[in-house]
Amino acid sequence: MTRVARLGALAIACLAMAPRTADAAVPSFDCDGARSQVEKLICGDDALAALDARLARRLARALARADADKVAGLSAAQRAWRARMLKACAQADDPRACVADAYDKRIGEL
């Protein structure tokens, strides 16, 4: 991985770990751009938003610790996890429980 790409990943990691000033939990993504029902669910639920922010911080730390040749793979794995989670939880009987469980498991993996 090039130095520029690694610095870009580090910048994203730093932004994800930046403290939030609002009282309500804020997810790691822009809720104004939330398209799926699951993303909207996360945006509207403080506990799920907090889990999303926690996962983002955990991912940022993992990316910062990863060797240069592992950063792209870790990023790709995260994108794949997110796509699977969005699809599965959209079809779940209890989407909120599905999201919470998926986030808990992913945080544990990282």
PDB file of N, CA and C in Angstrom:
ATOM      1  N   MET A   1       0.847  -1.167   0.000  1.00  0.00           N
ATOM      2  CA  MET A   1       0.000   0.000   0.000  1.00  0.00           C
ATOM      3  C   MET A   1       0.894   1.232   0.000  1.00  0.00           C
ATOM      4  N   THR A   2       0.496   2.215  -0.735  1.00  0.00           N
ATOM      5  CA  THR A   2       1.308   3.421  -0.843  1.00  0.00           C
ATOM      6  C   THR A   2       1.230   4.235   0.443  1.00  0.00           C
ATOM      7  N   ARG A   3       2.208   5.085   0.605  1.00  0.00           N
ATOM      8  CA  ARG A   3       2.253   5.952   1.786  1.00  0.00           C
ATOM      9  C   ARG A   3       1.016   6.853   1.839  1.00  0.00           C
ATOM     10  N   VAL A   4       0.599   7.359   0.698  1.00  0.00           N
ATOM     11  CA  VAL A   4      -0.570   8.240   0.646  1.00  0.00           C
ATOM     12  C   VAL A   4      -1.821   7.485   1.091  1.00  0.00           C
ATOM     13  N   ALA A   5      -1.987   6.262   0.629  1.00  0.00           N
ATOM     14  CA  ALA A   5      -3.158   5.473   1.002  1.00  0.00           C
ATOM     15  C   ALA A   5      -3.148   5.175   2.498  1.00  0.00           C
ATOM     16  N   ARG A   6      -1.985   4.854   3.031  1.00  0.00           N
ATOM     17  CA  ARG A   6      -1.885   4.567   4.467  1.00  0.00           C
ATOM     18  C   ARG A   6      -2.210   5.826   5.280  1.00  0.00           C
ATOM     19  N   LEU A   7      -1.711   6.978   4.830  1.00  0.00           N
ATOM     20  CA  LEU A   7      -2.016   8.227   5.529  1.00  0.00           C
ATOM     21  C   LEU A   7      -3.509   8.540   5.457  1.00  0.00           C
ATOM     22  N   GLY A   8      -4.123   8.235   4.321  1.00  0.00           N
ATOM     23  CA  GLY A   8      -5.564   8.437   4.194  1.00  0.00           C
ATOM     24  C   GLY A   8      -6.336   7.565   5.169  1.00  0.00           C
ATOM     25  N   ALA A   9      -5.928   6.303   5.288  1.00  0.00           N
ATOM     26  CA  ALA A   9      -6.580   5.394   6.226  1.00  0.00           C
ATOM     27  C   ALA A   9      -6.391   5.882   7.661  1.00  0.00           C
ATOM     28  N   LEU A  10      -5.209   6.394   7.957  1.00  0.00           N
ATOM     29  CA  LEU A  10      -4.947   6.917   9.292  1.00  0.00           C
ATOM     30  C   LEU A  10      -5.807   8.149   9.575  1.00  0.00           C
ATOM     31  N   ALA A  11      -5.984   9.006   8.583  1.00  0.00           N
ATOM     32  CA  ALA A  11      -6.825  10.193   8.758  1.00  0.00           C
ATOM     33  C   ALA A  11      -8.268   9.790   9.052  1.00  0.00           C
ATOM     34  N   ILE A  12      -8.759   8.793   8.336  1.00  0.00           N
ATOM     35  CA  ILE A  12     -10.119   8.302   8.582  1.00  0.00           C
ATOM     36  C   ILE A  12     -10.221   7.734   9.990  1.00  0.00           C
ATOM     37  N   ALA A  13      -9.195   7.002  10.400  1.00  0.00           N
ATOM     38  CA  ALA A  13      -9.184   6.427  11.742  1.00  0.00           C
ATOM     39  C   ALA A  13      -9.223   7.526  12.801  1.00  0.00           C
ATOM     40  N   CYS A  14      -8.461   8.572  12.602  1.00  0.00           N
ATOM     41  CA  CYS A  14      -8.437   9.679  13.566  1.00  0.00           C
ATOM     42  C   CYS A  14      -9.796  10.362  13.651  1.00  0.00           C
ATOM     43  N   LEU A  15     -10.428  10.566  12.522  1.00  0.00           N
ATOM     44  CA  LEU A  15     -11.752  11.186  12.525  1.00  0.00           C
ATOM     45  C   LEU A  15     -12.771  10.311  13.236  1.00  0.00           C
ATOM     46  N   ALA A  16     -12.671   9.020  13.034  1.00  0.00           N
ATOM     47  CA  ALA A  16     -13.617   8.101  13.665  1.00  0.00           C
ATOM     48  C   ALA A  16     -13.445   8.075  15.177  1.00  0.00           C
ATOM     49  N   MET A  17     -12.239   8.329  15.651  1.00  0.00           N
ATOM     50  CA  MET A  17     -11.981   8.295  17.085  1.00  0.00           C
ATOM     51  C   MET A  17     -12.181   9.652  17.748  1.00  0.00           C
ATOM     52  N   ALA A  18     -12.455  10.687  16.981  1.00  0.00           N
ATOM     53  CA  ALA A  18     -12.630  12.024  17.555  1.00  0.00           C
ATOM     54  C   ALA A  18     -13.822  12.029  18.500  1.00  0.00           C
ATOM     55  N   PRO A  19     -13.684  12.686  19.640  1.00  0.00           N
ATOM     56  CA  PRO A  19     -14.798  12.705  20.593  1.00  0.00           C
ATOM     57  C   PRO A  19     -15.987  13.481  20.045  1.00  0.00           C
ATOM     58  N   ARG A  20     -17.153  13.050  20.421  1.00  0.00           N
ATOM     59  CA  ARG A  20     -18.387  13.716  20.020  1.00  0.00           C
ATOM     60  C   ARG A  20     -18.800  14.672  21.134  1.00  0.00           C
ATOM     61  N   THR A  21     -19.374  15.804  20.772  1.00  0.00           N
ATOM     62  CA  THR A  21     -19.777  16.775  21.784  1.00  0.00           C
ATOM     63  C   THR A  21     -21.260  16.707  22.100  1.00  0.00           C
ATOM     64  N   ALA A  22     -22.048  16.101  21.266  1.00  0.00           N
ATOM     65  CA  ALA A  22     -23.488  16.022  21.496  1.00  0.00           C
ATOM     66  C   ALA A  22     -23.797  14.996  22.576  1.00  0.00           C
ATOM     67  N   ASP A  23     -24.926  15.196  23.267  1.00  0.00           N
ATOM     68  CA  ASP A  23     -25.333  14.269  24.310  1.00  0.00           C
ATOM     69  C   ASP A  23     -25.803  12.950  23.720  1.00  0.00           C
ATOM     70  N   ALA A  24     -26.536  13.011  22.628  1.00  0.00           N
ATOM     71  CA  ALA A  24     -27.053  11.795  21.998  1.00  0.00           C
ATOM     72  C   ALA A  24     -25.935  11.071  21.265  1.00  0.00           C
ATOM     73  N   ALA A  25     -26.059   9.766  21.210  1.00  0.00           N
ATOM     74  CA  ALA A  25     -25.081   8.973  20.472  1.00  0.00           C
ATOM     75  C   ALA A  25     -25.175   9.318  18.994  1.00  0.00           C
ATOM     76  N   VAL A  26     -24.033   9.380  18.351  1.00  0.00           N
ATOM     77  CA  VAL A  26     -23.971   9.725  16.930  1.00  0.00           C
ATOM     78  C   VAL A  26     -23.269   8.586  16.203  1.00  0.00           C
ATOM     79  N   PRO A  27     -23.911   8.002  15.195  1.00  0.00           N
ATOM     80  CA  PRO A  27     -23.242   6.932  14.454  1.00  0.00           C
ATOM     81  C   PRO A  27     -22.075   7.468  13.637  1.00  0.00           C
ATOM     82  N   SER A  28     -21.287   6.571  13.111  1.00  0.00           N
ATOM     83  CA  SER A  28     -20.078   6.947  12.368  1.00  0.00           C
ATOM     84  C   SER A  28     -20.382   7.450  10.961  1.00  0.00           C
ATOM     85  N   PHE A  29     -21.597   7.272  10.505  1.00  0.00           N
ATOM     86  CA  PHE A  29     -21.956   7.694   9.147  1.00  0.00           C
ATOM     87  C   PHE A  29     -22.958   8.843   9.209  1.00  0.00           C
ATOM     88  N   ASP A  30     -23.110   9.538   8.109  1.00  0.00           N
ATOM     89  CA  ASP A  30     -24.001  10.695   8.017  1.00  0.00           C
ATOM     90  C   ASP A  30     -25.449  10.220   7.898  1.00  0.00           C
ATOM     91  N   CYS A  31     -26.232  10.494   8.911  1.00  0.00           N
ATOM     92  CA  CYS A  31     -27.626  10.048   8.899  1.00  0.00           C
ATOM     93  C   CYS A  31     -28.459  10.746   7.833  1.00  0.00           C
ATOM     94  N   ASP A  32     -28.039  11.914   7.393  1.00  0.00           N
ATOM     95  CA  ASP A  32     -28.758  12.582   6.304  1.00  0.00           C
ATOM     96  C   ASP A  32     -28.679  11.772   5.013  1.00  0.00           C
ATOM     97  N   GLY A  33     -27.654  10.955   4.890  1.00  0.00           N
ATOM     98  CA  GLY A  33     -27.486  10.126   3.706  1.00  0.00           C
ATOM     99  C   GLY A  33     -27.943   8.692   3.905  1.00  0.00           C
ATOM    100  N   ALA A  34     -28.554   8.399   5.060  1.00  0.00           N
ATOM    101  CA  ALA A  34     -29.017   7.039   5.338  1.00  0.00           C
ATOM    102  C   ALA A  34     -30.071   6.644   4.313  1.00  0.00           C
ATOM    103  N   ARG A  35     -29.829   5.528   3.630  1.00  0.00           N
ATOM    104  CA  ARG A  35     -30.753   5.080   2.584  1.00  0.00           C
ATOM    105  C   ARG A  35     -31.557   3.866   3.006  1.00  0.00           C
ATOM    106  N   SER A  36     -30.918   2.927   3.666  1.00  0.00           N
ATOM    107  CA  SER A  36     -31.621   1.690   4.004  1.00  0.00           C
ATOM    108  C   SER A  36     -32.409   1.853   5.299  1.00  0.00           C
ATOM    109  N   GLN A  37     -33.391   0.979   5.484  1.00  0.00           N
ATOM    110  CA  GLN A  37     -34.172   0.993   6.715  1.00  0.00           C
ATOM    111  C   GLN A  37     -33.284   0.711   7.917  1.00  0.00           C
ATOM    112  N   VAL A  38     -32.286  -0.137   7.745  1.00  0.00           N
ATOM    113  CA  VAL A  38     -31.389  -0.469   8.853  1.00  0.00           C
ATOM    114  C   VAL A  38     -30.547   0.747   9.230  1.00  0.00           C
ATOM    115  N   GLU A  39     -30.037   1.466   8.252  1.00  0.00           N
ATOM    116  CA  GLU A  39     -29.276   2.684   8.555  1.00  0.00           C
ATOM    117  C   GLU A  39     -30.162   3.696   9.275  1.00  0.00           C
ATOM    118  N   LYS A  40     -31.402   3.830   8.833  1.00  0.00           N
ATOM    119  CA  LYS A  40     -32.334   4.756   9.486  1.00  0.00           C
ATOM    120  C   LYS A  40     -32.646   4.301  10.910  1.00  0.00           C
ATOM    121  N   LEU A  41     -32.736   2.993  11.108  1.00  0.00           N
ATOM    122  CA  LEU A  41     -32.949   2.442  12.442  1.00  0.00           C
ATOM    123  C   LEU A  41     -31.785   2.806  13.360  1.00  0.00           C
ATOM    124  N   ILE A  42     -30.562   2.638  12.870  1.00  0.00           N
ATOM    125  CA  ILE A  42     -29.367   2.979  13.654  1.00  0.00           C
ATOM    126  C   ILE A  42     -29.378   4.466  14.009  1.00  0.00           C
ATOM    127  N   CYS A  43     -29.715   5.296  13.052  1.00  0.00           N
ATOM    128  CA  CYS A  43     -29.737   6.746  13.282  1.00  0.00           C
ATOM    129  C   CYS A  43     -30.782   7.151  14.313  1.00  0.00           C
ATOM    130  N   GLY A  44     -31.875   6.418  14.387  1.00  0.00           N
ATOM    131  CA  GLY A  44     -32.957   6.765  15.297  1.00  0.00           C
ATOM    132  C   GLY A  44     -32.892   6.099  16.656  1.00  0.00           C
ATOM    133  N   ASP A  45     -31.867   5.312  16.901  1.00  0.00           N
ATOM    134  CA  ASP A  45     -31.762   4.556  18.150  1.00  0.00           C
ATOM    135  C   ASP A  45     -30.413   4.858  18.797  1.00  0.00           C
ATOM    136  N   ASP A  46     -30.430   5.525  19.953  1.00  0.00           N
ATOM    137  CA  ASP A  46     -29.176   5.919  20.606  1.00  0.00           C
ATOM    138  C   ASP A  46     -28.271   4.730  20.921  1.00  0.00           C
ATOM    139  N   ALA A  47     -28.852   3.613  21.339  1.00  0.00           N
ATOM    140  CA  ALA A  47     -28.031   2.448  21.681  1.00  0.00           C
ATOM    141  C   ALA A  47     -27.343   1.884  20.438  1.00  0.00           C
ATOM    142  N   LEU A  48     -28.074   1.801  19.333  1.00  0.00           N
ATOM    143  CA  LEU A  48     -27.472   1.300  18.094  1.00  0.00           C
ATOM    144  C   LEU A  48     -26.453   2.296  17.546  1.00  0.00           C
ATOM    145  N   ALA A  49     -26.756   3.582  17.646  1.00  0.00           N
ATOM    146  CA  ALA A  49     -25.810   4.608  17.196  1.00  0.00           C
ATOM    147  C   ALA A  49     -24.522   4.524  18.005  1.00  0.00           C
ATOM    148  N   ALA A  50     -24.647   4.277  19.303  1.00  0.00           N
ATOM    149  CA  ALA A  50     -23.461   4.138  20.153  1.00  0.00           C
ATOM    150  C   ALA A  50     -22.656   2.905  19.761  1.00  0.00           C
ATOM    151  N   LEU A  51     -23.337   1.810  19.434  1.00  0.00           N
ATOM    152  CA  LEU A  51     -22.632   0.608  18.972  1.00  0.00           C
ATOM    153  C   LEU A  51     -21.900   0.879  17.666  1.00  0.00           C
ATOM    154  N   ASP A  52     -22.541   1.615  16.765  1.00  0.00           N
ATOM    155  CA  ASP A  52     -21.903   1.946  15.495  1.00  0.00           C
ATOM    156  C   ASP A  52     -20.651   2.790  15.730  1.00  0.00           C
ATOM    157  N   ALA A  53     -20.753   3.768  16.610  1.00  0.00           N
ATOM    158  CA  ALA A  53     -19.594   4.614  16.916  1.00  0.00           C
ATOM    159  C   ALA A  53     -18.486   3.792  17.572  1.00  0.00           C
ATOM    160  N   ARG A  54     -18.875   2.877  18.450  1.00  0.00           N
ATOM    161  CA  ARG A  54     -17.873   2.012  19.108  1.00  0.00           C
ATOM    162  C   ARG A  54     -17.166   1.130  18.085  1.00  0.00           C
ATOM    163  N   LEU A  55     -17.928   0.572  17.165  1.00  0.00           N
ATOM    164  CA  LEU A  55     -17.328  -0.246  16.117  1.00  0.00           C
ATOM    165  C   LEU A  55     -16.375   0.583  15.262  1.00  0.00           C
ATOM    166  N   ALA A  56     -16.762   1.799  14.943  1.00  0.00           N
ATOM    167  CA  ALA A  56     -15.895   2.670  14.138  1.00  0.00           C
ATOM    168  C   ALA A  56     -14.580   2.940  14.861  1.00  0.00           C
ATOM    169  N   ARG A  57     -14.648   3.168  16.168  1.00  0.00           N
ATOM    170  CA  ARG A  57     -13.409   3.390  16.937  1.00  0.00           C
ATOM    171  C   ARG A  57     -12.548   2.136  16.965  1.00  0.00           C
ATOM    172  N   ARG A  58     -13.200   0.985  17.138  1.00  0.00           N
ATOM    173  CA  ARG A  58     -12.453  -0.282  17.170  1.00  0.00           C
ATOM    174  C   ARG A  58     -11.793  -0.544  15.819  1.00  0.00           C
ATOM    175  N   LEU A  59     -12.516  -0.290  14.740  1.00  0.00           N
ATOM    176  CA  LEU A  59     -11.963  -0.466  13.399  1.00  0.00           C
ATOM    177  C   LEU A  59     -10.799   0.491  13.171  1.00  0.00           C
ATOM    178  N   ALA A  60     -10.949   1.727  13.605  1.00  0.00           N
ATOM    179  CA  ALA A  60      -9.880   2.715  13.436  1.00  0.00           C
ATOM    180  C   ALA A  60      -8.611   2.260  14.141  1.00  0.00           C
ATOM    181  N   ARG A  61      -8.758   1.724  15.345  1.00  0.00           N
ATOM    182  CA  ARG A  61      -7.579   1.215  16.069  1.00  0.00           C
ATOM    183  C   ARG A  61      -6.969   0.030  15.339  1.00  0.00           C
ATOM    184  N   ALA A  62      -7.820  -0.860  14.834  1.00  0.00           N
ATOM    185  CA  ALA A  62      -7.310  -2.027  14.100  1.00  0.00           C
ATOM    186  C   ALA A  62      -6.571  -1.592  12.841  1.00  0.00           C
ATOM    187  N   LEU A  63      -7.112  -0.618  12.127  1.00  0.00           N
ATOM    188  CA  LEU A  63      -6.447  -0.115  10.918  1.00  0.00           C
ATOM    189  C   LEU A  63      -5.123   0.557  11.256  1.00  0.00           C
ATOM    190  N   ALA A  64      -5.094   1.289  12.353  1.00  0.00           N
ATOM    191  CA  ALA A  64      -3.865   1.982  12.749  1.00  0.00           C
ATOM    192  C   ALA A  64      -2.774   0.992  13.145  1.00  0.00           C
ATOM    193  N   ARG A  65      -3.159  -0.145  13.712  1.00  0.00           N
ATOM    194  CA  ARG A  65      -2.187  -1.163  14.139  1.00  0.00           C
ATOM    195  C   ARG A  65      -1.773  -2.095  13.009  1.00  0.00           C
ATOM    196  N   ALA A  66      -2.573  -2.174  11.975  1.00  0.00           N
ATOM    197  CA  ALA A  66      -2.348  -3.158  10.908  1.00  0.00           C
ATOM    198  C   ALA A  66      -1.121  -2.818  10.073  1.00  0.00           C
ATOM    199  N   ASP A  67      -0.441  -3.866   9.633  1.00  0.00           N
ATOM    200  CA  ASP A  67       0.649  -3.684   8.676  1.00  0.00           C
ATOM    201  C   ASP A  67       0.059  -3.118   7.392  1.00  0.00           C
ATOM    202  N   ALA A  68       0.880  -2.409   6.649  1.00  0.00           N
ATOM    203  CA  ALA A  68       0.421  -1.745   5.421  1.00  0.00           C
ATOM    204  C   ALA A  68      -0.265  -2.719   4.469  1.00  0.00           C
ATOM    205  N   ASP A  69       0.246  -3.942   4.377  1.00  0.00           N
ATOM    206  CA  ASP A  69      -0.334  -4.907   3.442  1.00  0.00           C
ATOM    207  C   ASP A  69      -1.654  -5.502   3.937  1.00  0.00           C
ATOM    208  N   LYS A  70      -2.025  -5.230   5.175  1.00  0.00           N
ATOM    209  CA  LYS A  70      -3.273  -5.764   5.732  1.00  0.00           C
ATOM    210  C   LYS A  70      -4.408  -4.738   5.742  1.00  0.00           C
ATOM    211  N   VAL A  71      -4.091  -3.458   5.566  1.00  0.00           N
ATOM    212  CA  VAL A  71      -5.099  -2.400   5.676  1.00  0.00           C
ATOM    213  C   VAL A  71      -6.203  -2.569   4.634  1.00  0.00           C
ATOM    214  N   ALA A  72      -5.840  -2.800   3.396  1.00  0.00           N
ATOM    215  CA  ALA A  72      -6.843  -2.942   2.335  1.00  0.00           C
ATOM    216  C   ALA A  72      -7.756  -4.136   2.600  1.00  0.00           C
ATOM    217  N   GLY A  73      -7.188  -5.242   3.051  1.00  0.00           N
ATOM    218  CA  GLY A  73      -7.989  -6.422   3.347  1.00  0.00           C
ATOM    219  C   GLY A  73      -8.952  -6.196   4.500  1.00  0.00           C
ATOM    220  N   LEU A  74      -8.472  -5.515   5.526  1.00  0.00           N
ATOM    221  CA  LEU A  74      -9.324  -5.214   6.672  1.00  0.00           C
ATOM    222  C   LEU A  74     -10.462  -4.276   6.271  1.00  0.00           C
ATOM    223  N   SER A  75     -10.151  -3.297   5.456  1.00  0.00           N
ATOM    224  CA  SER A  75     -11.188  -2.374   4.972  1.00  0.00           C
ATOM    225  C   SER A  75     -12.214  -3.105   4.112  1.00  0.00           C
ATOM    226  N   ALA A  76     -11.749  -3.988   3.249  1.00  0.00           N
ATOM    227  CA  ALA A  76     -12.659  -4.763   2.399  1.00  0.00           C
ATOM    228  C   ALA A  76     -13.531  -5.691   3.241  1.00  0.00           C
ATOM    229  N   ALA A  77     -12.941  -6.302   4.257  1.00  0.00           N
ATOM    230  CA  ALA A  77     -13.703  -7.183   5.138  1.00  0.00           C
ATOM    231  C   ALA A  77     -14.790  -6.408   5.876  1.00  0.00           C
ATOM    232  N   GLN A  78     -14.487  -5.183   6.277  1.00  0.00           N
ATOM    233  CA  GLN A  78     -15.481  -4.357   6.966  1.00  0.00           C
ATOM    234  C   GLN A  78     -16.629  -3.985   6.028  1.00  0.00           C
ATOM    235  N   ARG A  79     -16.297  -3.618   4.801  1.00  0.00           N
ATOM    236  CA  ARG A  79     -17.352  -3.291   3.830  1.00  0.00           C
ATOM    237  C   ARG A  79     -18.237  -4.509   3.568  1.00  0.00           C
ATOM    238  N   ALA A  80     -17.632  -5.681   3.451  1.00  0.00           N
ATOM    239  CA  ALA A  80     -18.398  -6.903   3.216  1.00  0.00           C
ATOM    240  C   ALA A  80     -19.287  -7.222   4.419  1.00  0.00           C
ATOM    241  N   TRP A  81     -18.739  -7.065   5.626  1.00  0.00           N
ATOM    242  CA  TRP A  81     -19.531  -7.302   6.834  1.00  0.00           C
ATOM    243  C   TRP A  81     -20.741  -6.377   6.861  1.00  0.00           C
ATOM    244  N   ARG A  82     -20.514  -5.102   6.569  1.00  0.00           N
ATOM    245  CA  ARG A  82     -21.599  -4.115   6.605  1.00  0.00           C
ATOM    246  C   ARG A  82     -22.693  -4.466   5.590  1.00  0.00           C
ATOM    247  N   ALA A  83     -22.298  -4.847   4.394  1.00  0.00           N
ATOM    248  CA  ALA A  83     -23.279  -5.212   3.366  1.00  0.00           C
ATOM    249  C   ALA A  83     -24.106  -6.421   3.811  1.00  0.00           C
ATOM    250  N   ARG A  84     -23.432  -7.437   4.374  1.00  0.00           N
ATOM    251  CA  ARG A  84     -24.149  -8.628   4.857  1.00  0.00           C
ATOM    252  C   ARG A  84     -25.101  -8.267   5.998  1.00  0.00           C
ATOM    253  N   MET A  85     -24.623  -7.431   6.921  1.00  0.00           N
ATOM    254  CA  MET A  85     -25.438  -7.033   8.066  1.00  0.00           C
ATOM    255  C   MET A  85     -26.668  -6.257   7.614  1.00  0.00           C
ATOM    256  N   LEU A  86     -26.485  -5.294   6.712  1.00  0.00           N
ATOM    257  CA  LEU A  86     -27.618  -4.503   6.236  1.00  0.00           C
ATOM    258  C   LEU A  86     -28.671  -5.393   5.585  1.00  0.00           C
ATOM    259  N   LYS A  87     -28.232  -6.340   4.782  1.00  0.00           N
ATOM    260  CA  LYS A  87     -29.169  -7.228   4.086  1.00  0.00           C
ATOM    261  C   LYS A  87     -29.875  -8.162   5.067  1.00  0.00           C
ATOM    262  N   ALA A  88     -29.097  -8.805   5.938  1.00  0.00           N
ATOM    263  CA  ALA A  88     -29.681  -9.772   6.867  1.00  0.00           C
ATOM    264  C   ALA A  88     -30.638  -9.101   7.849  1.00  0.00           C
ATOM    265  N   CYS A  89     -30.239  -7.971   8.395  1.00  0.00           N
ATOM    266  CA  CYS A  89     -31.065  -7.316   9.407  1.00  0.00           C
ATOM    267  C   CYS A  89     -32.309  -6.669   8.804  1.00  0.00           C
ATOM    268  N   ALA A  90     -32.256  -6.301   7.540  1.00  0.00           N
ATOM    269  CA  ALA A  90     -33.443  -5.765   6.872  1.00  0.00           C
ATOM    270  C   ALA A  90     -34.517  -6.838   6.744  1.00  0.00           C
ATOM    271  N   GLN A  91     -34.107  -8.094   6.691  1.00  0.00           N
ATOM    272  CA  GLN A  91     -35.036  -9.203   6.523  1.00  0.00           C
ATOM    273  C   GLN A  91     -35.378  -9.895   7.840  1.00  0.00           C
ATOM    274  N   ALA A  92     -34.756  -9.468   8.928  1.00  0.00           N
ATOM    275  CA  ALA A  92     -34.939 -10.128  10.221  1.00  0.00           C
ATOM    276  C   ALA A  92     -36.308  -9.811  10.820  1.00  0.00           C
ATOM    277  N   ASP A  93     -36.807 -10.737  11.641  1.00  0.00           N
ATOM    278  CA  ASP A  93     -38.067 -10.505  12.353  1.00  0.00           C
ATOM    279  C   ASP A  93     -37.935  -9.333  13.324  1.00  0.00           C
ATOM    280  N   ASP A  94     -36.756  -9.214  13.936  1.00  0.00           N
ATOM    281  CA  ASP A  94     -36.480  -8.123  14.873  1.00  0.00           C
ATOM    282  C   ASP A  94     -35.209  -7.414  14.409  1.00  0.00           C
ATOM    283  N   PRO A  95     -35.344  -6.454  13.506  1.00  0.00           N
ATOM    284  CA  PRO A  95     -34.159  -5.790  12.953  1.00  0.00           C
ATOM    285  C   PRO A  95     -33.268  -5.153  14.010  1.00  0.00           C
ATOM    286  N   ARG A  96     -33.859  -4.571  15.052  1.00  0.00           N
ATOM    287  CA  ARG A  96     -33.052  -3.932  16.081  1.00  0.00           C
ATOM    288  C   ARG A  96     -32.160  -4.944  16.791  1.00  0.00           C
ATOM    289  N   ALA A  97     -32.727  -6.069  17.178  1.00  0.00           N
ATOM    290  CA  ALA A  97     -31.946  -7.112  17.844  1.00  0.00           C
ATOM    291  C   ALA A  97     -30.879  -7.658  16.906  1.00  0.00           C
ATOM    292  N   CYS A  98     -31.219  -7.799  15.645  1.00  0.00           N
ATOM    293  CA  CYS A  98     -30.265  -8.285  14.647  1.00  0.00           C
ATOM    294  C   CYS A  98     -29.067  -7.353  14.545  1.00  0.00           C
ATOM    295  N   VAL A  99     -29.331  -6.047  14.461  1.00  0.00           N
ATOM    296  CA  VAL A  99     -28.247  -5.059  14.346  1.00  0.00           C
ATOM    297  C   VAL A  99     -27.387  -5.079  15.602  1.00  0.00           C
ATOM    298  N   ALA A 100     -28.022  -5.064  16.771  1.00  0.00           N
ATOM    299  CA  ALA A 100     -27.273  -5.058  18.028  1.00  0.00           C
ATOM    300  C   ALA A 100     -26.379  -6.289  18.130  1.00  0.00           C
ATOM    301  N   ASP A 101     -26.921  -7.447  17.790  1.00  0.00           N
ATOM    302  CA  ASP A 101     -26.150  -8.688  17.845  1.00  0.00           C
ATOM    303  C   ASP A 101     -24.998  -8.668  16.841  1.00  0.00           C
ATOM    304  N   ALA A 102     -25.271  -8.216  15.630  1.00  0.00           N
ATOM    305  CA  ALA A 102     -24.230  -8.161  14.598  1.00  0.00           C
ATOM    306  C   ALA A 102     -23.097  -7.228  15.012  1.00  0.00           C
ATOM    307  N   TYR A 103     -23.444  -6.074  15.560  1.00  0.00           N
ATOM    308  CA  TYR A 103     -22.417  -5.125  16.006  1.00  0.00           C
ATOM    309  C   TYR A 103     -21.608  -5.705  17.158  1.00  0.00           C
ATOM    310  N   ASP A 104     -22.280  -6.315  18.132  1.00  0.00           N
ATOM    311  CA  ASP A 104     -21.557  -6.916  19.257  1.00  0.00           C
ATOM    312  C   ASP A 104     -20.550  -7.956  18.771  1.00  0.00           C
ATOM    313  N   LYS A 105     -20.983  -8.801  17.845  1.00  0.00           N
ATOM    314  CA  LYS A 105     -20.087  -9.838  17.321  1.00  0.00           C
ATOM    315  C   LYS A 105     -18.921  -9.231  16.557  1.00  0.00           C
ATOM    316  N   ARG A 106     -19.187  -8.237  15.725  1.00  0.00           N
ATOM    317  CA  ARG A 106     -18.116  -7.620  14.927  1.00  0.00           C
ATOM    318  C   ARG A 106     -17.120  -6.885  15.816  1.00  0.00           C
ATOM    319  N   ILE A 107     -17.611  -6.198  16.834  1.00  0.00           N
ATOM    320  CA  ILE A 107     -16.712  -5.524  17.774  1.00  0.00           C
ATOM    321  C   ILE A 107     -15.802  -6.554  18.428  1.00  0.00           C
ATOM    322  N   GLY A 108     -16.359  -7.699  18.793  1.00  0.00           N
ATOM    323  CA  GLY A 108     -15.558  -8.773  19.380  1.00  0.00           C
ATOM    324  C   GLY A 108     -14.513  -9.326  18.426  1.00  0.00           C
ATOM    325  N   GLU A 109     -14.840  -9.371  17.146  1.00  0.00           N
ATOM    326  CA  GLU A 109     -13.896  -9.877  16.140  1.00  0.00           C
ATOM    327  C   GLU A 109     -12.706  -8.945  15.946  1.00  0.00           C
ATOM    328  N   LEU A 110     -12.955  -7.648  16.058  1.00  0.00           N
ATOM    329  CA  LEU A 110     -11.886  -6.684  15.822  1.00  0.00           C
ATOM    330  C   LEU A 110     -11.026  -6.526  17.059  1.00  0.00           C
TER     331      LEU A 110
END
